[in-house]
Amino acid sequence: QVQLVESGGGLVQPGGSLRLSCAASGFGFRHYVMSWYRQAPGKERELVAAIGSGNPWKNNGGDVKGRFSISRDNDKNLLYLQMNSLKPEDSGVYYCSVFQESRRYWGQGTQVTVSS
């Protein structure tokens, strides 16, 4: 079955950096678009970034553009999110996700807190 396990979250000061990882298993990782979402308290879950199956495109839209970078290692079934110049409003739970066979799968999430 599909399993997604995030890691790398924590407490960081504004302006700092974190690198999130997502270990994927149970499906053909290299063939699927992978995404990072985040959810802040009291807010809806939102897309942060997505990456195509063959690394031909990336989507780091919105206010993370230029600060966050998504990447993947298809040989190791790993998804990454490099987050730089972090702001307090980046705080929340970050989820790795894949959509396959008509449903979206989620990991358990990793907490990111940006605070001084």
N, C-alpha and C. Protein backbone atom coordinates (compact mmCIF):
# COMPACT_ATOMS: atom_id res chain seq x y z
N GLN A 1 0.83 -1.17 0.00
CA GLN A 1 0.00 0.00 0.00
C GLN A 1 0.89 1.24 0.00
N VAL A 2 0.28 2.36 -0.41
CA VAL A 2 1.01 3.62 -0.48
C VAL A 2 1.37 4.08 0.93
N GLN A 3 2.63 4.39 1.10
CA GLN A 3 3.09 4.97 2.37
C GLN A 3 3.95 6.18 2.08
N LEU A 4 3.70 7.24 2.82
CA LEU A 4 4.46 8.47 2.71
C LEU A 4 4.85 8.89 4.12
N VAL A 5 6.15 9.05 4.35
CA VAL A 5 6.63 9.37 5.69
C VAL A 5 7.51 10.61 5.62
N GLU A 6 7.01 11.70 6.20
CA GLU A 6 7.74 12.96 6.20
C GLU A 6 8.67 13.05 7.41
N SER A 7 9.73 13.83 7.24
CA SER A 7 10.65 14.11 8.33
C SER A 7 11.36 15.43 8.06
N GLY A 8 12.04 15.94 9.08
CA GLY A 8 12.85 17.13 8.90
C GLY A 8 12.26 18.41 9.45
N GLY A 9 11.05 18.36 9.96
CA GLY A 9 10.47 19.56 10.53
C GLY A 9 11.12 19.93 11.86
N GLY A 10 10.72 21.08 12.39
CA GLY A 10 11.25 21.52 13.67
C GLY A 10 11.02 22.98 13.90
N LEU A 11 11.70 23.48 14.91
CA LEU A 11 11.62 24.90 15.26
C LEU A 11 12.82 25.63 14.67
N VAL A 12 12.55 26.73 13.99
CA VAL A 12 13.63 27.49 13.36
C VAL A 12 13.32 28.98 13.50
N GLN A 13 14.35 29.78 13.58
CA GLN A 13 14.15 31.22 13.68
C GLN A 13 13.82 31.82 12.32
N PRO A 14 13.14 32.95 12.30
CA PRO A 14 12.88 33.63 11.02
C PRO A 14 14.19 33.87 10.26
N GLY A 15 14.14 33.62 8.96
CA GLY A 15 15.32 33.74 8.13
C GLY A 15 16.12 32.46 8.02
N GLY A 16 15.76 31.47 8.82
CA GLY A 16 16.48 30.20 8.81
C GLY A 16 16.03 29.28 7.70
N SER A 17 16.61 28.07 7.72
CA SER A 17 16.33 27.09 6.67
C SER A 17 16.00 25.73 7.29
N LEU A 18 15.22 24.97 6.56
CA LEU A 18 14.94 23.58 6.89
C LEU A 18 14.86 22.78 5.59
N ARG A 19 15.17 21.51 5.69
CA ARG A 19 14.99 20.62 4.55
C ARG A 19 14.09 19.47 4.98
N LEU A 20 12.94 19.40 4.35
CA LEU A 20 12.00 18.32 4.62
C LEU A 20 12.25 17.16 3.65
N SER A 21 12.02 15.95 4.15
CA SER A 21 12.13 14.76 3.32
C SER A 21 10.84 13.96 3.41
N CYS A 22 10.57 13.23 2.35
CA CYS A 22 9.42 12.33 2.34
C CYS A 22 9.87 11.01 1.72
N ALA A 23 9.77 9.94 2.50
CA ALA A 23 10.10 8.62 2.01
C ALA A 23 8.83 7.95 1.51
N ALA A 24 8.84 7.55 0.25
CA ALA A 24 7.66 6.98 -0.38
C ALA A 24 7.85 5.49 -0.64
N SER A 25 6.78 4.74 -0.52
CA SER A 25 6.83 3.31 -0.81
C SER A 25 5.45 2.82 -1.19
N GLY A 26 5.41 1.66 -1.82
CA GLY A 26 4.15 1.03 -2.15
C GLY A 26 3.57 1.41 -3.50
N PHE A 27 4.31 2.19 -4.27
CA PHE A 27 3.85 2.56 -5.61
C PHE A 27 5.07 2.96 -6.45
N GLY A 28 4.83 3.11 -7.74
CA GLY A 28 5.91 3.46 -8.65
C GLY A 28 6.28 4.93 -8.56
N PHE A 29 7.01 5.28 -7.56
CA PHE A 29 7.32 6.67 -7.23
C PHE A 29 7.76 7.48 -8.45
N ARG A 30 8.65 6.96 -9.24
CA ARG A 30 9.24 7.75 -10.30
C ARG A 30 8.23 8.17 -11.37
N HIS A 31 7.08 7.54 -11.40
CA HIS A 31 6.11 7.79 -12.46
C HIS A 31 5.04 8.82 -12.07
N TYR A 32 5.10 9.31 -10.85
CA TYR A 32 4.00 10.15 -10.36
C TYR A 32 4.46 11.56 -9.99
N VAL A 33 3.56 12.50 -10.24
CA VAL A 33 3.73 13.84 -9.71
C VAL A 33 3.65 13.79 -8.19
N MET A 34 4.59 14.44 -7.54
CA MET A 34 4.62 14.50 -6.08
C MET A 34 4.46 15.94 -5.63
N SER A 35 3.82 16.10 -4.49
CA SER A 35 3.51 17.44 -4.01
C SER A 35 3.81 17.60 -2.53
N TRP A 36 4.05 18.84 -2.15
CA TRP A 36 4.09 19.24 -0.75
C TRP A 36 2.91 20.18 -0.50
N TYR A 37 2.19 19.93 0.58
CA TYR A 37 1.14 20.80 1.04
C TYR A 37 1.48 21.25 2.46
N ARG A 38 0.83 22.29 2.89
CA ARG A 38 0.97 22.70 4.29
C ARG A 38 -0.38 23.17 4.81
N GLN A 39 -0.51 23.08 6.14
CA GLN A 39 -1.74 23.52 6.79
C GLN A 39 -1.39 24.24 8.08
N ALA A 40 -1.77 25.50 8.13
CA ALA A 40 -1.58 26.30 9.34
C ALA A 40 -2.82 26.17 10.21
N PRO A 41 -2.68 26.40 11.51
CA PRO A 41 -3.85 26.29 12.40
C PRO A 41 -4.99 27.20 11.94
N GLY A 42 -6.17 26.63 11.83
CA GLY A 42 -7.34 27.40 11.44
C GLY A 42 -7.44 27.71 9.97
N LYS A 43 -6.53 27.18 9.18
CA LYS A 43 -6.55 27.45 7.75
C LYS A 43 -6.67 26.15 6.96
N GLU A 44 -7.06 26.30 5.71
CA GLU A 44 -7.17 25.13 4.84
C GLU A 44 -5.78 24.67 4.39
N ARG A 45 -5.72 23.40 4.07
CA ARG A 45 -4.48 22.86 3.53
C ARG A 45 -4.25 23.47 2.14
N GLU A 46 -3.00 23.88 1.87
CA GLU A 46 -2.69 24.52 0.61
C GLU A 46 -1.48 23.88 -0.04
N LEU A 47 -1.49 23.93 -1.37
CA LEU A 47 -0.36 23.41 -2.13
C LEU A 47 0.83 24.35 -1.99
N VAL A 48 1.98 23.77 -1.69
CA VAL A 48 3.21 24.54 -1.60
C VAL A 48 4.04 24.40 -2.87
N ALA A 49 4.22 23.17 -3.30
CA ALA A 49 5.04 22.92 -4.49
C ALA A 49 4.74 21.54 -5.03
N ALA A 50 4.99 21.36 -6.33
CA ALA A 50 4.78 20.07 -6.97
C ALA A 50 5.89 19.85 -7.99
N ILE A 51 6.18 18.59 -8.22
CA ILE A 51 7.25 18.25 -9.16
C ILE A 51 6.81 17.11 -10.04
N GLY A 52 7.10 17.23 -11.32
CA GLY A 52 6.72 16.22 -12.28
C GLY A 52 7.50 14.93 -12.12
N SER A 53 7.01 13.91 -12.78
CA SER A 53 7.58 12.58 -12.60
C SER A 53 9.02 12.49 -13.08
N GLY A 54 9.33 13.25 -14.12
CA GLY A 54 10.68 13.17 -14.65
C GLY A 54 11.49 14.42 -14.41
N ASN A 55 11.14 15.20 -13.40
CA ASN A 55 11.82 16.45 -13.09
C ASN A 55 11.77 17.50 -14.19
N PRO A 56 10.86 17.43 -15.13
CA PRO A 56 10.87 18.44 -16.19
C PRO A 56 10.25 19.75 -15.78
N TRP A 57 9.47 19.75 -14.71
CA TRP A 57 8.86 21.01 -14.28
C TRP A 57 8.67 21.01 -12.79
N LYS A 58 8.60 22.19 -12.25
CA LYS A 58 8.35 22.37 -10.83
C LYS A 58 7.36 23.51 -10.68
N ASN A 59 6.63 23.47 -9.61
CA ASN A 59 5.69 24.53 -9.34
C ASN A 59 5.90 25.00 -7.92
N ASN A 60 6.57 26.09 -7.75
CA ASN A 60 6.73 26.72 -6.44
C ASN A 60 6.02 28.05 -6.51
N GLY A 61 4.73 28.01 -6.39
CA GLY A 61 3.97 29.23 -6.60
C GLY A 61 3.77 30.04 -5.36
N GLY A 62 3.09 31.11 -5.53
CA GLY A 62 2.68 31.94 -4.42
C GLY A 62 3.85 32.56 -3.69
N ASP A 63 3.68 32.67 -2.38
CA ASP A 63 4.66 33.41 -1.60
C ASP A 63 5.90 32.60 -1.27
N VAL A 64 5.99 31.34 -1.73
CA VAL A 64 7.20 30.57 -1.49
C VAL A 64 8.16 30.64 -2.65
N LYS A 65 7.72 31.25 -3.73
CA LYS A 65 8.56 31.31 -4.93
C LYS A 65 9.86 32.02 -4.61
N GLY A 66 10.97 31.40 -5.02
CA GLY A 66 12.27 31.98 -4.75
C GLY A 66 12.84 31.62 -3.40
N ARG A 67 12.01 31.05 -2.53
CA ARG A 67 12.50 30.67 -1.19
C ARG A 67 12.49 29.16 -0.99
N PHE A 68 11.50 28.48 -1.55
CA PHE A 68 11.38 27.03 -1.40
C PHE A 68 11.73 26.36 -2.72
N SER A 69 12.32 25.18 -2.60
CA SER A 69 12.66 24.41 -3.80
C SER A 69 12.33 22.94 -3.58
N ILE A 70 11.57 22.38 -4.51
CA ILE A 70 11.20 20.97 -4.43
C ILE A 70 12.12 20.16 -5.33
N SER A 71 12.46 18.97 -4.87
CA SER A 71 13.29 18.08 -5.68
C SER A 71 12.97 16.63 -5.32
N ARG A 72 13.50 15.72 -6.11
CA ARG A 72 13.21 14.31 -5.87
C ARG A 72 14.40 13.46 -6.27
N ASP A 73 14.51 12.28 -5.63
CA ASP A 73 15.50 11.29 -5.99
C ASP A 73 14.72 10.03 -6.35
N ASN A 74 14.57 9.79 -7.62
CA ASN A 74 13.75 8.66 -8.08
C ASN A 74 14.40 7.31 -7.77
N ASP A 75 15.71 7.29 -7.60
CA ASP A 75 16.38 6.03 -7.28
C ASP A 75 16.15 5.63 -5.82
N LYS A 76 15.96 6.64 -4.97
CA LYS A 76 15.79 6.37 -3.53
C LYS A 76 14.34 6.55 -3.08
N ASN A 77 13.46 6.89 -4.00
CA ASN A 77 12.04 7.14 -3.66
C ASN A 77 11.91 8.22 -2.57
N LEU A 78 12.63 9.29 -2.75
CA LEU A 78 12.61 10.38 -1.79
C LEU A 78 12.17 11.69 -2.45
N LEU A 79 11.38 12.43 -1.73
CA LEU A 79 10.94 13.76 -2.13
C LEU A 79 11.49 14.75 -1.10
N TYR A 80 11.92 15.91 -1.56
CA TYR A 80 12.51 16.91 -0.68
C TYR A 80 11.82 18.26 -0.84
N LEU A 81 11.92 19.04 0.21
CA LEU A 81 11.51 20.44 0.14
C LEU A 81 12.56 21.25 0.90
N GLN A 82 13.35 22.00 0.16
CA GLN A 82 14.33 22.90 0.76
C GLN A 82 13.65 24.24 1.00
N MET A 83 13.65 24.67 2.25
CA MET A 83 12.97 25.90 2.62
C MET A 83 13.98 26.88 3.18
N ASN A 84 14.14 28.00 2.50
CA ASN A 84 15.07 29.05 2.92
C ASN A 84 14.31 30.32 3.25
N SER A 85 14.99 31.22 3.95
CA SER A 85 14.40 32.52 4.32
C SER A 85 13.02 32.34 4.93
N LEU A 86 12.93 31.44 5.87
CA LEU A 86 11.63 31.11 6.46
C LEU A 86 11.04 32.28 7.22
N LYS A 87 9.72 32.37 7.14
CA LYS A 87 8.96 33.43 7.80
C LYS A 87 7.99 32.78 8.80
N PRO A 88 7.56 33.53 9.79
CA PRO A 88 6.58 32.98 10.74
C PRO A 88 5.33 32.44 10.06
N GLU A 89 4.91 33.07 8.99
CA GLU A 89 3.72 32.60 8.28
C GLU A 89 3.93 31.30 7.51
N ASP A 90 5.15 30.81 7.47
CA ASP A 90 5.41 29.49 6.89
C ASP A 90 5.13 28.36 7.88
N SER A 91 4.86 28.71 9.11
CA SER A 91 4.60 27.70 10.14
C SER A 91 3.36 26.89 9.81
N GLY A 92 3.43 25.60 10.17
CA GLY A 92 2.30 24.72 9.94
C GLY A 92 2.77 23.28 9.84
N VAL A 93 1.84 22.42 9.53
CA VAL A 93 2.17 21.02 9.29
C VAL A 93 2.33 20.83 7.79
N TYR A 94 3.45 20.24 7.42
CA TYR A 94 3.77 20.02 6.00
C TYR A 94 3.55 18.55 5.66
N TYR A 95 2.83 18.36 4.55
CA TYR A 95 2.44 17.01 4.13
C TYR A 95 2.99 16.70 2.74
N CYS A 96 3.45 15.51 2.60
CA CYS A 96 3.82 14.95 1.31
C CYS A 96 2.58 14.28 0.74
N SER A 97 2.40 14.35 -0.58
CA SER A 97 1.17 13.82 -1.16
C SER A 97 1.38 13.30 -2.57
N VAL A 98 0.59 12.29 -2.91
CA VAL A 98 0.56 11.77 -4.27
C VAL A 98 -0.89 11.44 -4.63
N PHE A 99 -1.24 11.69 -5.88
CA PHE A 99 -2.58 11.37 -6.37
C PHE A 99 -2.46 10.20 -7.32
N GLN A 100 -3.13 9.13 -6.98
CA GLN A 100 -3.10 7.99 -7.88
C GLN A 100 -4.39 7.19 -7.73
N GLU A 101 -4.81 6.62 -8.83
CA GLU A 101 -6.01 5.77 -8.86
C GLU A 101 -7.18 6.46 -8.19
N SER A 102 -7.39 7.69 -8.58
CA SER A 102 -8.58 8.45 -8.20
C SER A 102 -8.63 8.87 -6.73
N ARG A 103 -7.53 8.81 -6.03
CA ARG A 103 -7.53 9.32 -4.66
C ARG A 103 -6.18 9.94 -4.34
N ARG A 104 -6.25 10.85 -3.37
CA ARG A 104 -5.02 11.50 -2.95
C ARG A 104 -4.56 10.87 -1.63
N TYR A 105 -3.30 10.54 -1.60
CA TYR A 105 -2.69 9.97 -0.40
C TYR A 105 -1.86 11.03 0.31
N TRP A 106 -1.84 10.93 1.64
CA TRP A 106 -1.11 11.87 2.48
C TRP A 106 -0.21 11.14 3.46
N GLY A 107 0.90 11.80 3.79
CA GLY A 107 1.68 11.32 4.91
C GLY A 107 1.10 11.82 6.21
N GLN A 108 1.80 11.56 7.30
CA GLN A 108 1.29 11.96 8.62
C GLN A 108 1.61 13.43 8.91
N GLY A 109 2.50 14.00 8.13
CA GLY A 109 2.86 15.40 8.29
C GLY A 109 4.04 15.60 9.22
N THR A 110 4.72 16.72 9.02
CA THR A 110 5.82 17.11 9.90
C THR A 110 5.63 18.59 10.25
N GLN A 111 5.79 18.91 11.53
CA GLN A 111 5.51 20.26 12.01
C GLN A 111 6.70 21.18 11.75
N VAL A 112 6.41 22.33 11.19
CA VAL A 112 7.40 23.38 11.01
C VAL A 112 6.94 24.60 11.79
N THR A 113 7.78 25.08 12.68
CA THR A 113 7.47 26.27 13.46
C THR A 113 8.58 27.29 13.27
N VAL A 114 8.20 28.45 12.77
CA VAL A 114 9.15 29.54 12.54
C VAL A 114 8.86 30.63 13.57
N SER A 115 9.77 30.77 14.50
CA SER A 115 9.54 31.70 15.60
C SER A 115 10.87 32.09 16.24
N SER A 116 10.91 33.31 16.72
CA SER A 116 12.09 33.77 17.44
C SER A 116 11.92 33.54 18.94
